[in-house]
PDB file of N, CA and C in Angstrom:
ATOM      1  N   MET A   1      87.803 224.003  39.434  1.00  0.00           N
ATOM      2  CA  MET A   1      86.726 223.498  38.585  1.00  0.00           C
ATOM      3  C   MET A   1      86.465 222.035  38.942  1.00  0.00           C
ATOM      4  N   ASN A   2      85.201 221.675  38.967  1.00  0.00           N
ATOM      5  CA  ASN A   2      84.892 220.270  39.201  1.00  0.00           C
ATOM      6  C   ASN A   2      84.956 219.497  37.880  1.00  0.00           C
ATOM      7  N   ASP A   3      84.925 218.180  37.985  1.00  0.00           N
ATOM      8  CA  ASP A   3      85.087 217.318  36.805  1.00  0.00           C
ATOM      9  C   ASP A   3      84.036 217.592  35.734  1.00  0.00           C
ATOM     10  N   GLU A   4      82.799 217.790  36.137  1.00  0.00           N
ATOM     11  CA  GLU A   4      81.724 218.020  35.170  1.00  0.00           C
ATOM     12  C   GLU A   4      81.937 219.311  34.397  1.00  0.00           C
ATOM     13  N   LEU A   5      82.353 220.350  35.101  1.00  0.00           N
ATOM     14  CA  LEU A   5      82.591 221.635  34.435  1.00  0.00           C
ATOM     15  C   LEU A   5      83.802 221.548  33.505  1.00  0.00           C
ATOM     16  N   ILE A   6      84.812 220.831  33.908  1.00  0.00           N
ATOM     17  CA  ILE A   6      85.990 220.653  33.051  1.00  0.00           C
ATOM     18  C   ILE A   6      85.596 219.947  31.760  1.00  0.00           C
ATOM     19  N   LEU A   7      84.879 218.834  31.878  1.00  0.00           N
ATOM     20  CA  LEU A   7      84.467 218.107  30.672  1.00  0.00           C
ATOM     21  C   LEU A   7      83.509 218.928  29.825  1.00  0.00           C
ATOM     22  N   ALA A   8      82.620 219.675  30.445  1.00  0.00           N
ATOM     23  CA  ALA A   8      81.702 220.533  29.695  1.00  0.00           C
ATOM     24  C   ALA A   8      82.489 221.591  28.912  1.00  0.00           C
ATOM     25  N   THR A   9      83.556 222.095  29.505  1.00  0.00           N
ATOM     26  CA  THR A   9      84.383 223.086  28.813  1.00  0.00           C
ATOM     27  C   THR A   9      85.102 222.450  27.629  1.00  0.00           C
ATOM     28  N   TYR A  10      85.650 221.247  27.820  1.00  0.00           N
ATOM     29  CA  TYR A  10      86.281 220.543  26.701  1.00  0.00           C
ATOM     30  C   TYR A  10      85.272 220.237  25.605  1.00  0.00           C
ATOM     31  N   GLU A  11      84.046 219.888  25.985  1.00  0.00           N
ATOM     32  CA  GLU A  11      83.001 219.637  24.988  1.00  0.00           C
ATOM     33  C   GLU A  11      82.663 220.913  24.220  1.00  0.00           C
ATOM     34  N   SER A  12      82.644 222.039  24.894  1.00  0.00           N
ATOM     35  CA  SER A  12      82.403 223.325  24.215  1.00  0.00           C
ATOM     36  C   SER A  12      83.535 223.634  23.246  1.00  0.00           C
ATOM     37  N   ILE A  13      84.748 223.375  23.649  1.00  0.00           N
ATOM     38  CA  ILE A  13      85.898 223.587  22.768  1.00  0.00           C
ATOM     39  C   ILE A  13      85.793 222.677  21.552  1.00  0.00           C
ATOM     40  N   SER A  14      85.412 221.433  21.776  1.00  0.00           N
ATOM     41  CA  SER A  14      85.248 220.487  20.673  1.00  0.00           C
ATOM     42  C   SER A  14      84.177 220.968  19.696  1.00  0.00           C
ATOM     43  N   ARG A  15      83.062 221.442  20.230  1.00  0.00           N
ATOM     44  CA  ARG A  15      81.977 221.969  19.381  1.00  0.00           C
ATOM     45  C   ARG A  15      82.474 223.162  18.567  1.00  0.00           C
ATOM     46  N   LEU A  16      83.215 224.049  19.223  1.00  0.00           N
ATOM     47  CA  LEU A  16      83.724 225.233  18.530  1.00  0.00           C
ATOM     48  C   LEU A  16      84.740 224.871  17.454  1.00  0.00           C
ATOM     49  N   THR A  17      85.594 223.893  17.708  1.00  0.00           N
ATOM     50  CA  THR A  17      86.570 223.522  16.677  1.00  0.00           C
ATOM     51  C   THR A  17      85.869 222.882  15.477  1.00  0.00           C
ATOM     52  N   ARG A  18      84.773 222.176  15.706  1.00  0.00           N
ATOM     53  CA  ARG A  18      84.001 221.657  14.568  1.00  0.00           C
ATOM     54  C   ARG A  18      83.393 222.812  13.774  1.00  0.00           C
ATOM     55  N   GLN A  19      82.929 223.845  14.479  1.00  0.00           N
ATOM     56  CA  GLN A  19      82.394 225.026  13.791  1.00  0.00           C
ATOM     57  C   GLN A  19      83.510 225.766  13.053  1.00  0.00           C
ATOM     58  N   MET A  20      84.687 225.810  13.645  1.00  0.00           N
ATOM     59  CA  MET A  20      85.834 226.431  12.977  1.00  0.00           C
ATOM     60  C   MET A  20      86.162 225.677  11.699  1.00  0.00           C
ATOM     61  N   LEU A  21      86.144 224.359  11.767  1.00  0.00           N
ATOM     62  CA  LEU A  21      86.427 223.540  10.595  1.00  0.00           C
ATOM     63  C   LEU A  21      85.387 223.790   9.502  1.00  0.00           C
ATOM     64  N   ALA A  22      84.125 223.841   9.884  1.00  0.00           N
ATOM     65  CA  ALA A  22      83.067 224.122   8.897  1.00  0.00           C
ATOM     66  C   ALA A  22      83.277 225.499   8.274  1.00  0.00           C
ATOM     67  N   ALA A  23      83.638 226.475   9.084  1.00  0.00           N
ATOM     68  CA  ALA A  23      83.882 227.824   8.563  1.00  0.00           C
ATOM     69  C   ALA A  23      85.065 227.809   7.595  1.00  0.00           C
ATOM     70  N   ALA A  24      86.124 227.111   7.939  1.00  0.00           N
ATOM     71  CA  ALA A  24      87.297 227.039   7.054  1.00  0.00           C
ATOM     72  C   ALA A  24      86.936 226.344   5.744  1.00  0.00           C
ATOM     73  N   ARG A  25      86.166 225.291   5.812  1.00  0.00           N
ATOM     74  CA  ARG A  25      85.743 224.590   4.586  1.00  0.00           C
ATOM     75  C   ARG A  25      84.922 225.492   3.684  1.00  0.00           C
ATOM     76  N   ASN A  26      84.152 226.401   4.291  1.00  0.00           N
ATOM     77  CA  ASN A  26      83.289 227.312   3.527  1.00  0.00           C
ATOM     78  C   ASN A  26      83.964 228.633   3.180  1.00  0.00           C
ATOM     79  N   GLY A  27      85.208 228.794   3.598  1.00  0.00           N
ATOM     80  CA  GLY A  27      85.899 230.056   3.336  1.00  0.00           C
ATOM     81  C   GLY A  27      85.353 231.209   4.167  1.00  0.00           C
ATOM     82  N   ASP A  28      84.707 230.902   5.258  1.00  0.00           N
ATOM     83  CA  ASP A  28      84.146 231.917   6.158  1.00  0.00           C
ATOM     84  C   ASP A  28      85.216 232.302   7.179  1.00  0.00           C
ATOM     85  N   TRP A  29      86.153 233.139   6.755  1.00  0.00           N
ATOM     86  CA  TRP A  29      87.311 233.462   7.590  1.00  0.00           C
ATOM     87  C   TRP A  29      86.915 234.294   8.805  1.00  0.00           C
ATOM     88  N   ASP A  30      85.915 235.150   8.665  1.00  0.00           N
ATOM     89  CA  ASP A  30      85.437 235.919   9.819  1.00  0.00           C
ATOM     90  C   ASP A  30      84.830 234.990  10.871  1.00  0.00           C
ATOM     91  N   GLY A  31      84.048 234.019  10.420  1.00  0.00           N
ATOM     92  CA  GLY A  31      83.463 233.046  11.342  1.00  0.00           C
ATOM     93  C   GLY A  31      84.533 232.211  12.017  1.00  0.00           C
ATOM     94  N   LEU A  32      85.546 231.840  11.255  1.00  0.00           N
ATOM     95  CA  LEU A  32      86.652 231.069  11.814  1.00  0.00           C
ATOM     96  C   LEU A  32      87.330 231.845  12.936  1.00  0.00           C
ATOM     97  N   VAL A  33      87.608 233.099  12.691  1.00  0.00           N
ATOM     98  CA  VAL A  33      88.267 233.938  13.696  1.00  0.00           C
ATOM     99  C   VAL A  33      87.373 234.124  14.917  1.00  0.00           C
ATOM    100  N   ARG A  34      86.093 234.330  14.699  1.00  0.00           N
ATOM    101  CA  ARG A  34      85.146 234.506  15.810  1.00  0.00           C
ATOM    102  C   ARG A  34      85.136 233.265  16.715  1.00  0.00           C
ATOM    103  N   HIS A  35      85.042 232.090  16.094  1.00  0.00           N
ATOM    104  CA  HIS A  35      85.026 230.850  16.876  1.00  0.00           C
ATOM    105  C   HIS A  35      86.372 230.613  17.560  1.00  0.00           C
ATOM    106  N   GLU A  36      87.449 230.994  16.905  1.00  0.00           N
ATOM    107  CA  GLU A  36      88.778 230.814  17.493  1.00  0.00           C
ATOM    108  C   GLU A  36      88.921 231.668  18.752  1.00  0.00           C
ATOM    109  N   ARG A  37      88.378 232.866  18.717  1.00  0.00           N
ATOM    110  CA  ARG A  37      88.422 233.737  19.906  1.00  0.00           C
ATOM    111  C   ARG A  37      87.651 233.112  21.072  1.00  0.00           C
ATOM    112  N   GLU A  38      86.488 232.560  20.762  1.00  0.00           N
ATOM    113  CA  GLU A  38      85.704 231.890  21.803  1.00  0.00           C
ATOM    114  C   GLU A  38      86.493 230.711  22.377  1.00  0.00           C
ATOM    115  N   CYS A  39      87.116 229.952  21.493  1.00  0.00           N
ATOM    116  CA  CYS A  39      87.925 228.796  21.913  1.00  0.00           C
ATOM    117  C   CYS A  39      89.065 229.242  22.824  1.00  0.00           C
ATOM    118  N   SER A  40      89.725 230.308  22.461  1.00  0.00           N
ATOM    119  CA  SER A  40      90.847 230.809  23.265  1.00  0.00           C
ATOM    120  C   SER A  40      90.381 231.168  24.670  1.00  0.00           C
ATOM    121  N   GLY A  41      89.214 231.759  24.772  1.00  0.00           N
ATOM    122  CA  GLY A  41      88.670 232.099  26.080  1.00  0.00           C
ATOM    123  C   GLY A  41      88.400 230.866  26.930  1.00  0.00           C
ATOM    124  N   LEU A  42      87.896 229.818  26.287  1.00  0.00           N
ATOM    125  CA  LEU A  42      87.641 228.576  27.019  1.00  0.00           C
ATOM    126  C   LEU A  42      88.939 227.907  27.451  1.00  0.00           C
ATOM    127  N   PHE A  43      89.939 227.934  26.567  1.00  0.00           N
ATOM    128  CA  PHE A  43      91.243 227.368  26.936  1.00  0.00           C
ATOM    129  C   PHE A  43      91.842 228.122  28.116  1.00  0.00           C
ATOM    130  N   ALA A  44      91.709 229.432  28.109  1.00  0.00           N
ATOM    131  CA  ALA A  44      92.225 230.231  29.225  1.00  0.00           C
ATOM    132  C   ALA A  44      91.523 229.850  30.522  1.00  0.00           C
ATOM    133  N   ARG A  45      90.224 229.647  30.440  1.00  0.00           N
ATOM    134  CA  ARG A  45      89.463 229.234  31.623  1.00  0.00           C
ATOM    135  C   ARG A  45      89.966 227.886  32.150  1.00  0.00           C
ATOM    136  N   LEU A  46      90.241 226.958  31.226  1.00  0.00           N
ATOM    137  CA  LEU A  46      90.768 225.658  31.645  1.00  0.00           C
ATOM    138  C   LEU A  46      92.143 225.797  32.294  1.00  0.00           C
ATOM    139  N   MET A  47      93.005 226.597  31.687  1.00  0.00           N
ATOM    140  CA  MET A  47      94.360 226.753  32.217  1.00  0.00           C
ATOM    141  C   MET A  47      94.340 227.340  33.636  1.00  0.00           C
ATOM    142  N   ASN A  48      93.380 228.194  33.886  1.00  0.00           N
ATOM    143  CA  ASN A  48      93.283 228.821  35.205  1.00  0.00           C
ATOM    144  C   ASN A  48      92.490 227.989  36.210  1.00  0.00           C
ATOM    145  N   GLY A  49      91.631 227.087  35.731  1.00  0.00           N
ATOM    146  CA  GLY A  49      90.730 226.413  36.637  1.00  0.00           C
ATOM    147  C   GLY A  49      90.936 224.929  36.826  1.00  0.00           C
ATOM    148  N   GLU A  50      91.654 224.294  35.907  1.00  0.00           N
ATOM    149  CA  GLU A  50      91.824 222.847  36.015  1.00  0.00           C
ATOM    150  C   GLU A  50      93.052 222.537  36.863  1.00  0.00           C
ATOM    151  N   ASP A  51      92.817 221.886  37.981  1.00  0.00           N
ATOM    152  CA  ASP A  51      93.949 221.512  38.840  1.00  0.00           C
ATOM    153  C   ASP A  51      94.541 220.184  38.358  1.00  0.00           C
ATOM    154  N   GLN A  52      95.608 219.776  38.965  1.00  0.00           N
ATOM    155  CA  GLN A  52      96.328 218.586  38.527  1.00  0.00           C
ATOM    156  C   GLN A  52      96.040 217.359  39.404  1.00  0.00           C
ATOM    157  N   ARG A  53      94.975 217.415  40.171  1.00  0.00           N
ATOM    158  CA  ARG A  53      94.692 216.264  41.033  1.00  0.00           C
ATOM    159  C   ARG A  53      94.291 215.054  40.183  1.00  0.00           C
ATOM    160  N   PRO A  54      94.568 213.854  40.683  1.00  0.00           N
ATOM    161  CA  PRO A  54      94.213 212.633  39.935  1.00  0.00           C
ATOM    162  C   PRO A  54      92.700 212.533  39.742  1.00  0.00           C
ATOM    163  N   ARG A  55      92.315 212.013  38.593  1.00  0.00           N
ATOM    164  CA  ARG A  55      90.904 211.852  38.271  1.00  0.00           C
ATOM    165  C   ARG A  55      90.656 210.412  37.844  1.00  0.00           C
ATOM    166  N   GLY A  56      89.404 210.053  37.806  1.00  0.00           N
ATOM    167  CA  GLY A  56      89.017 208.689  37.465  1.00  0.00           C
ATOM    168  C   GLY A  56      89.268 208.329  36.010  1.00  0.00           C
ATOM    169  N   THR A  57      89.202 207.035  35.741  1.00  0.00           N
ATOM    170  CA  THR A  57      89.444 206.503  34.401  1.00  0.00           C
ATOM    171  C   THR A  57      88.443 207.036  33.387  1.00  0.00           C
ATOM    172  N   ASP A  58      87.173 207.087  33.740  1.00  0.00           N
ATOM    173  CA  ASP A  58      86.149 207.578  32.807  1.00  0.00           C
ATOM    174  C   ASP A  58      86.403 209.039  32.438  1.00  0.00           C
ATOM    175  N   PHE A  59      86.765 209.834  33.434  1.00  0.00           N
ATOM    176  CA  PHE A  59      87.075 211.242  33.186  1.00  0.00           C
ATOM    177  C   PHE A  59      88.259 211.349  32.222  1.00  0.00           C
ATOM    178  N   GLN A  60      89.321 210.624  32.497  1.00  0.00           N
ATOM    179  CA  GLN A  60      90.533 210.690  31.672  1.00  0.00           C
ATOM    180  C   GLN A  60      90.252 210.216  30.243  1.00  0.00           C
ATOM    181  N   ARG A  61      89.463 209.153  30.119  1.00  0.00           N
ATOM    182  CA  ARG A  61      89.125 208.633  28.791  1.00  0.00           C
ATOM    183  C   ARG A  61      88.335 209.667  27.990  1.00  0.00           C
ATOM    184  N   ARG A  62      87.321 210.262  28.606  1.00  0.00           N
ATOM    185  CA  ARG A  62      86.484 211.243  27.901  1.00  0.00           C
ATOM    186  C   ARG A  62      87.293 212.479  27.535  1.00  0.00           C
ATOM    187  N   LYS A  63      88.108 212.942  28.465  1.00  0.00           N
ATOM    188  CA  LYS A  63      88.952 214.111  28.198  1.00  0.00           C
ATOM    189  C   LYS A  63      89.888 213.826  27.027  1.00  0.00           C
ATOM    190  N   ALA A  64      90.506 212.649  27.011  1.00  0.00           N
ATOM    191  CA  ALA A  64      91.419 212.282  25.920  1.00  0.00           C
ATOM    192  C   ALA A  64      90.689 212.223  24.580  1.00  0.00           C
ATOM    193  N   GLU A  65      89.460 211.669  24.582  1.00  0.00           N
ATOM    194  CA  GLU A  65      88.659 211.620  23.345  1.00  0.00           C
ATOM    195  C   GLU A  65      88.403 213.027  22.816  1.00  0.00           C
ATOM    196  N   LEU A  66      88.010 213.910  23.705  1.00  0.00           N
ATOM    197  CA  LEU A  66      87.715 215.287  23.301  1.00  0.00           C
ATOM    198  C   LEU A  66      88.962 215.986  22.769  1.00  0.00           C
ATOM    199  N   ILE A  67      90.072 215.812  23.454  1.00  0.00           N
ATOM    200  CA  ILE A  67      91.313 216.452  23.016  1.00  0.00           C
ATOM    201  C   ILE A  67      91.745 215.906  21.661  1.00  0.00           C
ATOM    202  N   ARG A  68      91.646 214.593  21.450  1.00  0.00           N
ATOM    203  CA  ARG A  68      92.007 214.014  20.145  1.00  0.00           C
ATOM    204  C   ARG A  68      91.141 214.603  19.035  1.00  0.00           C
ATOM    205  N   GLY A  69      89.840 214.745  19.307  1.00  0.00           N
ATOM    206  CA  GLY A  69      88.948 215.329  18.307  1.00  0.00           C
ATOM    207  C   GLY A  69      89.318 216.768  17.982  1.00  0.00           C
ATOM    208  N   VAL A  70      89.649 217.540  19.004  1.00  0.00           N
ATOM    209  CA  VAL A  70      90.060 218.933  18.804  1.00  0.00           C
ATOM    210  C   VAL A  70      91.342 218.984  17.982  1.00  0.00           C
ATOM    211  N   LEU A  71      92.290 218.123  18.297  1.00  0.00           N
ATOM    212  CA  LEU A  71      93.559 218.106  17.553  1.00  0.00           C
ATOM    213  C   LEU A  71      93.355 217.677  16.105  1.00  0.00           C
ATOM    214  N   ASP A  72      92.469 216.709  15.868  1.00  0.00           N
ATOM    215  CA  ASP A  72      92.165 216.295  14.486  1.00  0.00           C
ATOM    216  C   ASP A  72      91.540 217.445  13.706  1.00  0.00           C
ATOM    217  N   ASP A  73      90.570 218.126  14.331  1.00  0.00           N
ATOM    218  CA  ASP A  73      89.943 219.284  13.673  1.00  0.00           C
ATOM    219  C   ASP A  73      90.977 220.370  13.397  1.00  0.00           C
ATOM    220  N   ASP A  74      91.836 220.627  14.376  1.00  0.00           N
ATOM    221  CA  ASP A  74      92.863 221.655  14.230  1.00  0.00           C
ATOM    222  C   ASP A  74      93.794 221.340  13.061  1.00  0.00           C
ATOM    223  N   ALA A  75      94.181 220.078  12.933  1.00  0.00           N
ATOM    224  CA  ALA A  75      95.074 219.694  11.834  1.00  0.00           C
ATOM    225  C   ALA A  75      94.401 219.948  10.481  1.00  0.00           C
ATOM    226  N   GLU A  76      93.127 219.614  10.365  1.00  0.00           N
ATOM    227  CA  GLU A  76      92.424 219.844   9.097  1.00  0.00           C
ATOM    228  C   GLU A  76      92.223 221.340   8.841  1.00  0.00           C
ATOM    229  N   ILE A  77      91.941 222.093   9.890  1.00  0.00           N
ATOM    230  CA  ILE A  77      91.801 223.541   9.746  1.00  0.00           C
ATOM    231  C   ILE A  77      93.100 224.127   9.201  1.00  0.00           C
ATOM    232  N   ARG A  78      94.219 223.701   9.749  1.00  0.00           N
ATOM    233  CA  ARG A  78      95.517 224.206   9.281  1.00  0.00           C
ATOM    234  C   ARG A  78      95.743 223.896   7.807  1.00  0.00           C
ATOM    235  N   LEU A  79      95.351 222.697   7.368  1.00  0.00           N
ATOM    236  CA  LEU A  79      95.493 222.341   5.955  1.00  0.00           C
ATOM    237  C   LEU A  79      94.665 223.256   5.063  1.00  0.00           C
ATOM    238  N   LEU A  80      93.509 223.665   5.551  1.00  0.00           N
ATOM    239  CA  LEU A  80      92.636 224.545   4.769  1.00  0.00           C
ATOM    240  C   LEU A  80      93.090 225.998   4.826  1.00  0.00           C
ATOM    241  N   VAL A  81      93.632 226.418   5.939  1.00  0.00           N
ATOM    242  CA  VAL A  81      93.992 227.821   6.130  1.00  0.00           C
ATOM    243  C   VAL A  81      95.342 228.158   5.496  1.00  0.00           C
ATOM    244  N   GLU A  82      96.278 227.233   5.513  1.00  0.00           N
ATOM    245  CA  GLU A  82      97.624 227.539   5.018  1.00  0.00           C
ATOM    246  C   GLU A  82      97.648 228.029   3.569  1.00  0.00           C
ATOM    247  N   PRO A  83      96.927 227.391   2.632  1.00  0.00           N
ATOM    248  CA  PRO A  83      96.927 227.933   1.259  1.00  0.00           C
ATOM    249  C   PRO A  83      96.326 229.343   1.191  1.00  0.00           C
ATOM    250  N   TRP A  84      95.272 229.587   1.969  1.00  0.00           N
ATOM    251  CA  TRP A  84      94.662 230.907   1.992  1.00  0.00           C
ATOM    252  C   TRP A  84      95.649 231.935   2.525  1.00  0.00           C
ATOM    253  N   MET A  85      96.371 231.571   3.582  1.00  0.00           N
ATOM    254  CA  MET A  85      97.366 232.476   4.153  1.00  0.00           C
ATOM    255  C   MET A  85      98.492 232.744   3.152  1.00  0.00           C
ATOM    256  N   ALA A  86      98.910 231.728   2.417  1.00  0.00           N
ATOM    257  CA  ALA A  86      99.961 231.905   1.416  1.00  0.00           C
ATOM    258  C   ALA A  86      99.486 232.868   0.323  1.00  0.00           C
ATOM    259  N   ASN A  87      98.248 232.711  -0.136  1.00  0.00           N
ATOM    260  CA  ASN A  87      97.700 233.629  -1.148  1.00  0.00           C
ATOM    261  C   ASN A  87      97.611 235.044  -0.604  1.00  0.00           C
ATOM    262  N   LEU A  88      97.198 235.168   0.645  1.00  0.00           N
ATOM    263  CA  LEU A  88      97.105 236.481   1.269  1.00  0.00           C
ATOM    264  C   LEU A  88      98.478 237.141   1.356  1.00  0.00           C
ATOM    265  N   ALA A  89      99.494 236.373   1.706  1.00  0.00           N
ATOM    266  CA  ALA A  89     100.857 236.910   1.779  1.00  0.00           C
ATOM    267  C   ALA A  89     101.317 237.395   0.411  1.00  0.00           C
ATOM    268  N   ILE A  90     100.983 236.640  -0.624  1.00  0.00           N
ATOM    269  CA  ILE A  90     101.348 237.049  -1.991  1.00  0.00           C
ATOM    270  C   ILE A  90     100.640 238.351  -2.353  1.00  0.00           C
ATOM    271  N   LEU A  91      99.343 238.429  -2.065  1.00  0.00           N
ATOM    272  CA  LEU A  91      98.587 239.647  -2.368  1.00  0.00           C
ATOM    273  C   LEU A  91      99.139 240.847  -1.601  1.00  0.00           C
ATOM    274  N   LEU A  92      99.452 240.644  -0.338  1.00  0.00           N
ATOM    275  CA  LEU A  92     100.012 241.739   0.460  1.00  0.00           C
ATOM    276  C   LEU A  92     101.378 242.154  -0.061  1.00  0.00           C
ATOM    277  N   GLY A  93     102.161 241.183  -0.505  1.00  0.00           N
ATOM    278  CA  GLY A  93     103.476 241.495  -1.079  1.00  0.00           C
ATOM    279  C   GLY A  93     103.340 242.330  -2.346  1.00  0.00           C
ATOM    280  N   HIS A  94     102.380 241.955  -3.211  1.00  0.00           N
ATOM    281  CA  HIS A  94     102.144 242.729  -4.435  1.00  0.00           C
ATOM    282  C   HIS A  94     101.670 244.140  -4.102  1.00  0.00           C
ATOM    283  N   ALA A  95     100.767 244.247  -3.150  1.00  0.00           N
ATOM    284  CA  ALA A  95     100.242 245.562  -2.767  1.00  0.00           C
ATOM    285  C   ALA A  95     101.366 246.431  -2.215  1.00  0.00           C
ATOM    286  N   GLY A  96     102.253 245.847  -1.428  1.00  0.00           N
ATOM    287  CA  GLY A  96     103.378 246.604  -0.869  1.00  0.00           C
ATOM    288  C   GLY A  96     104.318 247.096  -1.958  1.00  0.00           C
ATOM    289  N   ARG A  97     104.590 246.212  -2.914  1.00  0.00           N
ATOM    290  CA  ARG A  97     105.474 246.625  -4.029  1.00  0.00           C
ATOM    291  C   ARG A  97     104.820 247.725  -4.852  1.00  0.00           C
ATOM    292  N   GLN A  98     103.523 247.603  -5.110  1.00  0.00           N
ATOM    293  CA  GLN A  98     102.822 248.635  -5.875  1.00  0.00           C
ATOM    294  C   GLN A  98     102.836 249.960  -5.127  1.00  0.00           C
ATOM    295  N   ARG A  99     102.637 249.929  -3.829  1.00  0.00           N
ATOM    296  CA  ARG A  99     102.650 251.146  -3.030  1.00  0.00           C
ATOM    297  C   ARG A  99     104.036 251.799  -3.073  1.00  0.00           C
ATOM    298  N   ARG A 100     105.091 250.995  -2.939  1.00  0.00           N
ATOM    299  CA  ARG A 100     106.453 251.548  -2.989  1.00  0.00           C
ATOM    300  C   ARG A 100     106.760 252.143  -4.359  1.00  0.00           C
ATOM    301  N   LEU A 101     106.331 251.454  -5.435  1.00  0.00           N
ATOM    302  CA  LEU A 101     106.547 252.002  -6.776  1.00  0.00           C
ATOM    303  C   LEU A 101     105.800 253.325  -6.943  1.00  0.00           C
ATOM    304  N   SER A 102     104.566 253.344  -6.487  1.00  0.00           N
ATOM    305  CA  SER A 102     103.779 254.556  -6.592  1.00  0.00           C
ATOM    306  C   SER A 102     104.422 255.697  -5.826  1.00  0.00           C
ATOM    307  N   GLN A 103     104.894 255.412  -4.626  1.00  0.00           N
ATOM    308  CA  GLN A 103     105.546 256.438  -3.806  1.00  0.00           C
ATOM    309  C   GLN A 103     106.836 256.914  -4.462  1.00  0.00           C
ATOM    310  N   THR A 104     107.570 255.983  -5.062  1.00  0.00           N
ATOM    311  CA  THR A 104     108.823 256.340  -5.722  1.00  0.00           C
ATOM    312  C   THR A 104     108.569 257.279  -6.897  1.00  0.00           C
ATOM    313  N   TYR A 105     107.578 256.933  -7.751  1.00  0.00           N
ATOM    314  CA  TYR A 105     107.310 257.758  -8.915  1.00  0.00           C
ATOM    315  C   TYR A 105     106.639 259.063  -8.544  1.00  0.00           C
ATOM    316  N   GLN A 106     105.840 259.085  -7.488  1.00  0.00           N
ATOM    317  CA  GLN A 106     105.209 260.329  -7.056  1.00  0.00           C
ATOM    318  C   GLN A 106     106.225 261.276  -6.466  1.00  0.00           C
ATOM    319  N   SER A 107     107.209 260.745  -5.757  1.00  0.00           N
ATOM    320  CA  SER A 107     108.205 261.616  -5.141  1.00  0.00           C
ATOM    321  C   SER A 107     109.143 262.205  -6.187  1.00  0.00           C
ATOM    322  N   GLY A 108     109.226 261.574  -7.356  1.00  0.00           N
ATOM    323  CA  GLY A 108     110.090 262.091  -8.414  1.00  0.00           C
ATOM    324  C   GLY A 108     109.449 263.175  -9.239  1.00  0.00           C
ATOM    325  N   GLU A 109     108.175 263.416  -9.054  1.00  0.00           N
ATOM    326  CA  GLU A 109     107.474 264.445  -9.837  1.00  0.00           C
ATOM    327  C   GLU A 109     107.782 265.832  -9.342  1.00  0.00           C
TER     328      GLU A 109
END
């Protein structure tokens, strides 16, 4: 990958993480997952295409800015998602217990 394509990919990832953050703020979990899948595909492309050759200062500065922004968005997304995940785990735990109780009482009939 050339420098322009690498930075364009990081910019796309940055745009997607901002969309993920907006989705998390709005409780749009399907949208969050959709954007996360797109992000994963872009990260895979970077891992396969970005070589380790030295690059210029401007390139390194811009790449670092983009990565910092992605990490900041990711941290906020995690803060928003963790309570939702905890509630989901509680709901799933209750559903599992109810299913086991139902199965236990049905098998005794």
